Amino acid sequence: MESAPVVILVFNTGLNTLNSAATFEARCMDCGAMQTMGATIQNMLLAVTDQGLGSLWMCDIFFA
């Protein structure tokens, strides 16, 4: 990451999943939001690869 010319970070700060008091509806919305983010990131990686560039998906930077 230190030598990469570009780093794109994707965050969703609206998730309630870690909140044990979240309603069933909120948890369902969180699942949809996570799937949407995953699809978006995948499309970005496919577009980058199509341009002949390298890419890497890191799920949790706290373990990096």
PDB file of N, CA and C in Angstrom:
ATOM      1  N   MET A   1       0.823  -1.194   0.000  1.00  0.00           N
ATOM      2  CA  MET A   1       0.000   0.000   0.000  1.00  0.00           C
ATOM      3  C   MET A   1       0.863   1.251   0.000  1.00  0.00           C
ATOM      4  N   GLU A   2       2.019   1.171   0.631  1.00  0.00           N
ATOM      5  CA  GLU A   2       2.885   2.344   0.689  1.00  0.00           C
ATOM      6  C   GLU A   2       3.401   2.746  -0.680  1.00  0.00           C
ATOM      7  N   SER A   3       3.587   1.784  -1.584  1.00  0.00           N
ATOM      8  CA  SER A   3       4.144   2.115  -2.898  1.00  0.00           C
ATOM      9  C   SER A   3       3.069   2.230  -3.977  1.00  0.00           C
ATOM     10  N   ALA A   4       1.819   2.017  -3.636  1.00  0.00           N
ATOM     11  CA  ALA A   4       0.744   2.106  -4.631  1.00  0.00           C
ATOM     12  C   ALA A   4       0.510   3.570  -5.016  1.00  0.00           C
ATOM     13  N   PRO A   5       0.325   3.838  -6.319  1.00  0.00           N
ATOM     14  CA  PRO A   5       0.060   5.214  -6.730  1.00  0.00           C
ATOM     15  C   PRO A   5      -1.322   5.689  -6.305  1.00  0.00           C
ATOM     16  N   VAL A   6      -2.254   4.761  -6.131  1.00  0.00           N
ATOM     17  CA  VAL A   6      -3.615   5.104  -5.715  1.00  0.00           C
ATOM     18  C   VAL A   6      -4.116   4.048  -4.734  1.00  0.00           C
ATOM     19  N   VAL A   7      -4.757   4.496  -3.680  1.00  0.00           N
ATOM     20  CA  VAL A   7      -5.404   3.590  -2.725  1.00  0.00           C
ATOM     21  C   VAL A   7      -6.843   4.072  -2.555  1.00  0.00           C
ATOM     22  N   ILE A   8      -7.782   3.166  -2.756  1.00  0.00           N
ATOM     23  CA  ILE A   8      -9.200   3.504  -2.589  1.00  0.00           C
ATOM     24  C   ILE A   8      -9.728   2.739  -1.385  1.00  0.00           C
ATOM     25  N   LEU A   9     -10.247   3.450  -0.424  1.00  0.00           N
ATOM     26  CA  LEU A   9     -10.834   2.831   0.763  1.00  0.00           C
ATOM     27  C   LEU A   9     -12.345   2.979   0.690  1.00  0.00           C
ATOM     28  N   VAL A  10     -13.058   1.916   1.015  1.00  0.00           N
ATOM     29  CA  VAL A  10     -14.523   1.927   0.989  1.00  0.00           C
ATOM     30  C   VAL A  10     -15.016   1.652   2.400  1.00  0.00           C
ATOM     31  N   PHE A  11     -15.835   2.545   2.913  1.00  0.00           N
ATOM     32  CA  PHE A  11     -16.376   2.406   4.267  1.00  0.00           C
ATOM     33  C   PHE A  11     -17.887   2.540   4.232  1.00  0.00           C
ATOM     34  N   ASN A  12     -18.541   1.832   5.116  1.00  0.00           N
ATOM     35  CA  ASN A  12     -19.970   2.032   5.351  1.00  0.00           C
ATOM     36  C   ASN A  12     -20.134   2.243   6.839  1.00  0.00           C
ATOM     37  N   THR A  13     -20.338   3.470   7.230  1.00  0.00           N
ATOM     38  CA  THR A  13     -20.426   3.787   8.660  1.00  0.00           C
ATOM     39  C   THR A  13     -21.848   3.663   9.196  1.00  0.00           C
ATOM     40  N   GLY A  14     -22.787   3.269   8.353  1.00  0.00           N
ATOM     41  CA  GLY A  14     -24.174   3.191   8.790  1.00  0.00           C
ATOM     42  C   GLY A  14     -24.633   1.810   9.213  1.00  0.00           C
ATOM     43  N   LEU A  15     -23.713   0.856   9.310  1.00  0.00           N
ATOM     44  CA  LEU A  15     -24.121  -0.506   9.653  1.00  0.00           C
ATOM     45  C   LEU A  15     -24.542  -0.630  11.113  1.00  0.00           C
ATOM     46  N   ASN A  16     -25.580  -1.416  11.338  1.00  0.00           N
ATOM     47  CA  ASN A  16     -26.083  -1.667  12.696  1.00  0.00           C
ATOM     48  C   ASN A  16     -25.781  -3.080  13.162  1.00  0.00           C
ATOM     49  N   THR A  17     -25.160  -3.914  12.326  1.00  0.00           N
ATOM     50  CA  THR A  17     -25.020  -5.326  12.606  1.00  0.00           C
ATOM     51  C   THR A  17     -24.318  -5.593  13.931  1.00  0.00           C
ATOM     52  N   LEU A  18     -23.338  -4.790  14.279  1.00  0.00           N
ATOM     53  CA  LEU A  18     -22.624  -5.020  15.527  1.00  0.00           C
ATOM     54  C   LEU A  18     -23.424  -4.578  16.745  1.00  0.00           C
ATOM     55  N   ASN A  19     -24.496  -3.881  16.508  1.00  0.00           N
ATOM     56  CA  ASN A  19     -25.353  -3.424  17.602  1.00  0.00           C
ATOM     57  C   ASN A  19     -26.380  -4.511  17.901  1.00  0.00           C
ATOM     58  N   SER A  20     -26.259  -5.152  19.059  1.00  0.00           N
ATOM     59  CA  SER A  20     -27.151  -6.261  19.395  1.00  0.00           C
ATOM     60  C   SER A  20     -28.602  -5.813  19.548  1.00  0.00           C
ATOM     61  N   ALA A  21     -28.821  -4.504  19.707  1.00  0.00           N
ATOM     62  CA  ALA A  21     -30.184  -3.995  19.872  1.00  0.00           C
ATOM     63  C   ALA A  21     -30.844  -3.650  18.540  1.00  0.00           C
ATOM     64  N   ALA A  22     -30.128  -3.879  17.429  1.00  0.00           N
ATOM     65  CA  ALA A  22     -30.680  -3.537  16.114  1.00  0.00           C
ATOM     66  C   ALA A  22     -31.893  -4.409  15.813  1.00  0.00           C
ATOM     67  N   THR A  23     -32.850  -3.823  15.143  1.00  0.00           N
ATOM     68  CA  THR A  23     -34.063  -4.556  14.787  1.00  0.00           C
ATOM     69  C   THR A  23     -33.775  -5.526  13.639  1.00  0.00           C
ATOM     70  N   PHE A  24     -34.682  -6.450  13.429  1.00  0.00           N
ATOM     71  CA  PHE A  24     -34.555  -7.393  12.326  1.00  0.00           C
ATOM     72  C   PHE A  24     -34.482  -6.653  11.004  1.00  0.00           C
ATOM     73  N   GLU A  25     -35.305  -5.622  10.853  1.00  0.00           N
ATOM     74  CA  GLU A  25     -35.312  -4.841   9.623  1.00  0.00           C
ATOM     75  C   GLU A  25     -33.965  -4.151   9.403  1.00  0.00           C
ATOM     76  N   ALA A  26     -33.383  -3.615  10.462  1.00  0.00           N
ATOM     77  CA  ALA A  26     -32.086  -2.945  10.355  1.00  0.00           C
ATOM     78  C   ALA A  26     -31.005  -3.940   9.948  1.00  0.00           C
ATOM     79  N   ARG A  27     -31.065  -5.150  10.503  1.00  0.00           N
ATOM     80  CA  ARG A  27     -30.080  -6.172  10.144  1.00  0.00           C
ATOM     81  C   ARG A  27     -30.241  -6.580   8.677  1.00  0.00           C
ATOM     82  N   CYS A  28     -31.488  -6.673   8.204  1.00  0.00           N
ATOM     83  CA  CYS A  28     -31.728  -6.996   6.792  1.00  0.00           C
ATOM     84  C   CYS A  28     -31.176  -5.899   5.887  1.00  0.00           C
ATOM     85  N   MET A  29     -31.393  -4.650   6.275  1.00  0.00           N
ATOM     86  CA  MET A  29     -30.862  -3.528   5.490  1.00  0.00           C
ATOM     87  C   MET A  29     -29.331  -3.565   5.467  1.00  0.00           C
ATOM     88  N   ASP A  30     -28.722  -3.933   6.598  1.00  0.00           N
ATOM     89  CA  ASP A  30     -27.267  -4.043   6.660  1.00  0.00           C
ATOM     90  C   ASP A  30     -26.757  -5.103   5.692  1.00  0.00           C
ATOM     91  N   CYS A  31     -27.441  -6.236   5.627  1.00  0.00           N
ATOM     92  CA  CYS A  31     -27.029  -7.303   4.703  1.00  0.00           C
ATOM     93  C   CYS A  31     -27.081  -6.804   3.269  1.00  0.00           C
ATOM     94  N   GLY A  32     -28.131  -6.097   2.916  1.00  0.00           N
ATOM     95  CA  GLY A  32     -28.248  -5.537   1.575  1.00  0.00           C
ATOM     96  C   GLY A  32     -27.155  -4.523   1.294  1.00  0.00           C
ATOM     97  N   ALA A  33     -26.853  -3.692   2.289  1.00  0.00           N
ATOM     98  CA  ALA A  33     -25.807  -2.679   2.120  1.00  0.00           C
ATOM     99  C   ALA A  33     -24.449  -3.339   1.915  1.00  0.00           C
ATOM    100  N   MET A  34     -24.166  -4.392   2.668  1.00  0.00           N
ATOM    101  CA  MET A  34     -22.886  -5.089   2.520  1.00  0.00           C
ATOM    102  C   MET A  34     -22.785  -5.763   1.155  1.00  0.00           C
ATOM    103  N   GLN A  35     -23.864  -6.343   0.671  1.00  0.00           N
ATOM    104  CA  GLN A  35     -23.845  -6.962  -0.652  1.00  0.00           C
ATOM    105  C   GLN A  35     -23.656  -5.913  -1.744  1.00  0.00           C
ATOM    106  N   THR A  36     -24.290  -4.764  -1.584  1.00  0.00           N
ATOM    107  CA  THR A  36     -24.136  -3.681  -2.550  1.00  0.00           C
ATOM    108  C   THR A  36     -22.699  -3.188  -2.586  1.00  0.00           C
ATOM    109  N   MET A  37     -22.097  -3.029  -1.418  1.00  0.00           N
ATOM    110  CA  MET A  37     -20.702  -2.588  -1.363  1.00  0.00           C
ATOM    111  C   MET A  37     -19.783  -3.621  -2.008  1.00  0.00           C
ATOM    112  N   GLY A  38     -20.034  -4.897  -1.742  1.00  0.00           N
ATOM    113  CA  GLY A  38     -19.212  -5.949  -2.333  1.00  0.00           C
ATOM    114  C   GLY A  38     -19.302  -5.949  -3.841  1.00  0.00           C
ATOM    115  N   ALA A  39     -20.525  -5.807  -4.375  1.00  0.00           N
ATOM    116  CA  ALA A  39     -20.705  -5.769  -5.825  1.00  0.00           C
ATOM    117  C   ALA A  39     -20.023  -4.545  -6.431  1.00  0.00           C
ATOM    118  N   THR A  40     -20.097  -3.429  -5.746  1.00  0.00           N
ATOM    119  CA  THR A  40     -19.457  -2.201  -6.231  1.00  0.00           C
ATOM    120  C   THR A  40     -17.944  -2.367  -6.293  1.00  0.00           C
ATOM    121  N   ILE A  41     -17.376  -2.919  -5.227  1.00  0.00           N
ATOM    122  CA  ILE A  41     -15.923  -3.130  -5.194  1.00  0.00           C
ATOM    123  C   ILE A  41     -15.512  -4.114  -6.277  1.00  0.00           C
ATOM    124  N   GLN A  42     -16.281  -5.188  -6.445  1.00  0.00           N
ATOM    125  CA  GLN A  42     -15.964  -6.163  -7.480  1.00  0.00           C
ATOM    126  C   GLN A  42     -15.972  -5.515  -8.867  1.00  0.00           C
ATOM    127  N   ASN A  43     -16.958  -4.686  -9.137  1.00  0.00           N
ATOM    128  CA  ASN A  43     -17.020  -4.004 -10.427  1.00  0.00           C
ATOM    129  C   ASN A  43     -15.837  -3.061 -10.622  1.00  0.00           C
ATOM    130  N   MET A  44     -15.418  -2.398  -9.567  1.00  0.00           N
ATOM    131  CA  MET A  44     -14.243  -1.535  -9.652  1.00  0.00           C
ATOM    132  C   MET A  44     -13.001  -2.364  -9.988  1.00  0.00           C
ATOM    133  N   LEU A  45     -12.844  -3.519  -9.337  1.00  0.00           N
ATOM    134  CA  LEU A  45     -11.689  -4.369  -9.588  1.00  0.00           C
ATOM    135  C   LEU A  45     -11.702  -4.913 -11.013  1.00  0.00           C
ATOM    136  N   LEU A  46     -12.885  -5.289 -11.503  1.00  0.00           N
ATOM    137  CA  LEU A  46     -12.987  -5.771 -12.876  1.00  0.00           C
ATOM    138  C   LEU A  46     -12.631  -4.682 -13.876  1.00  0.00           C
ATOM    139  N   ALA A  47     -13.062  -3.457 -13.617  1.00  0.00           N
ATOM    140  CA  ALA A  47     -12.743  -2.337 -14.511  1.00  0.00           C
ATOM    141  C   ALA A  47     -11.248  -2.049 -14.509  1.00  0.00           C
ATOM    142  N   VAL A  48     -10.637  -2.105 -13.346  1.00  0.00           N
ATOM    143  CA  VAL A  48      -9.192  -1.871 -13.243  1.00  0.00           C
ATOM    144  C   VAL A  48      -8.429  -2.953 -13.996  1.00  0.00           C
ATOM    145  N   THR A  49      -8.834  -4.209 -13.813  1.00  0.00           N
ATOM    146  CA  THR A  49      -8.180  -5.322 -14.503  1.00  0.00           C
ATOM    147  C   THR A  49      -8.337  -5.187 -16.012  1.00  0.00           C
ATOM    148  N   ASP A  50      -9.510  -4.746 -16.454  1.00  0.00           N
ATOM    149  CA  ASP A  50      -9.762  -4.550 -17.881  1.00  0.00           C
ATOM    150  C   ASP A  50      -8.821  -3.509 -18.483  1.00  0.00           C
ATOM    151  N   GLN A  51      -8.372  -2.579 -17.662  1.00  0.00           N
ATOM    152  CA  GLN A  51      -7.443  -1.547 -18.122  1.00  0.00           C
ATOM    153  C   GLN A  51      -5.981  -1.989 -18.019  1.00  0.00           C
ATOM    154  N   GLY A  52      -5.780  -3.235 -17.600  1.00  0.00           N
ATOM    155  CA  GLY A  52      -4.427  -3.767 -17.509  1.00  0.00           C
ATOM    156  C   GLY A  52      -3.683  -3.365 -16.252  1.00  0.00           C
ATOM    157  N   LEU A  53      -4.393  -2.884 -15.264  1.00  0.00           N
ATOM    158  CA  LEU A  53      -3.771  -2.470 -14.007  1.00  0.00           C
ATOM    159  C   LEU A  53      -3.960  -3.552 -12.946  1.00  0.00           C
ATOM    160  N   GLY A  54      -3.188  -3.480 -11.896  1.00  0.00           N
ATOM    161  CA  GLY A  54      -3.300  -4.430 -10.794  1.00  0.00           C
ATOM    162  C   GLY A  54      -4.247  -3.918  -9.735  1.00  0.00           C
ATOM    163  N   SER A  55      -4.791  -4.846  -8.976  1.00  0.00           N
ATOM    164  CA  SER A  55      -5.697  -4.456  -7.891  1.00  0.00           C
ATOM    165  C   SER A  55      -5.663  -5.516  -6.806  1.00  0.00           C
ATOM    166  N   LEU A  56      -6.144  -5.157  -5.643  1.00  0.00           N
ATOM    167  CA  LEU A  56      -6.170  -6.070  -4.507  1.00  0.00           C
ATOM    168  C   LEU A  56      -7.338  -5.692  -3.605  1.00  0.00           C
ATOM    169  N   TRP A  57      -8.116  -6.672  -3.208  1.00  0.00           N
ATOM    170  CA  TRP A  57      -9.233  -6.474  -2.289  1.00  0.00           C
ATOM    171  C   TRP A  57      -8.791  -6.956  -0.923  1.00  0.00           C
ATOM    172  N   MET A  58      -8.746  -6.040   0.027  1.00  0.00           N
ATOM    173  CA  MET A  58      -8.408  -6.392   1.411  1.00  0.00           C
ATOM    174  C   MET A  58      -9.666  -6.186   2.249  1.00  0.00           C
ATOM    175  N   CYS A  59     -10.141  -7.242   2.840  1.00  0.00           N
ATOM    176  CA  CYS A  59     -11.413  -7.173   3.549  1.00  0.00           C
ATOM    177  C   CYS A  59     -11.314  -6.434   4.876  1.00  0.00           C
ATOM    178  N   ASP A  60     -10.257  -6.626   5.602  1.00  0.00           N
ATOM    179  CA  ASP A  60     -10.157  -6.008   6.921  1.00  0.00           C
ATOM    180  C   ASP A  60      -8.749  -5.483   7.128  1.00  0.00           C
ATOM    181  N   ILE A  61      -8.587  -4.182   7.026  1.00  0.00           N
ATOM    182  CA  ILE A  61      -7.256  -3.594   7.115  1.00  0.00           C
ATOM    183  C   ILE A  61      -6.640  -3.726   8.508  1.00  0.00           C
ATOM    184  N   PHE A  62      -7.472  -4.010   9.509  1.00  0.00           N
ATOM    185  CA  PHE A  62      -6.927  -4.135  10.870  1.00  0.00           C
ATOM    186  C   PHE A  62      -6.047  -5.375  11.022  1.00  0.00           C
ATOM    187  N   PHE A  63      -6.193  -6.351  10.106  1.00  0.00           N
ATOM    188  CA  PHE A  63      -5.356  -7.538  10.143  1.00  0.00           C
ATOM    189  C   PHE A  63      -4.151  -7.430   9.222  1.00  0.00           C
ATOM    190  N   ALA A  64      -4.080  -6.354   8.459  1.00  0.00           N
ATOM    191  CA  ALA A  64      -2.976  -6.181   7.502  1.00  0.00           C
ATOM    192  C   ALA A  64      -1.719  -5.733   8.239  1.00  0.00           C
TER     193      ALA A  64
END
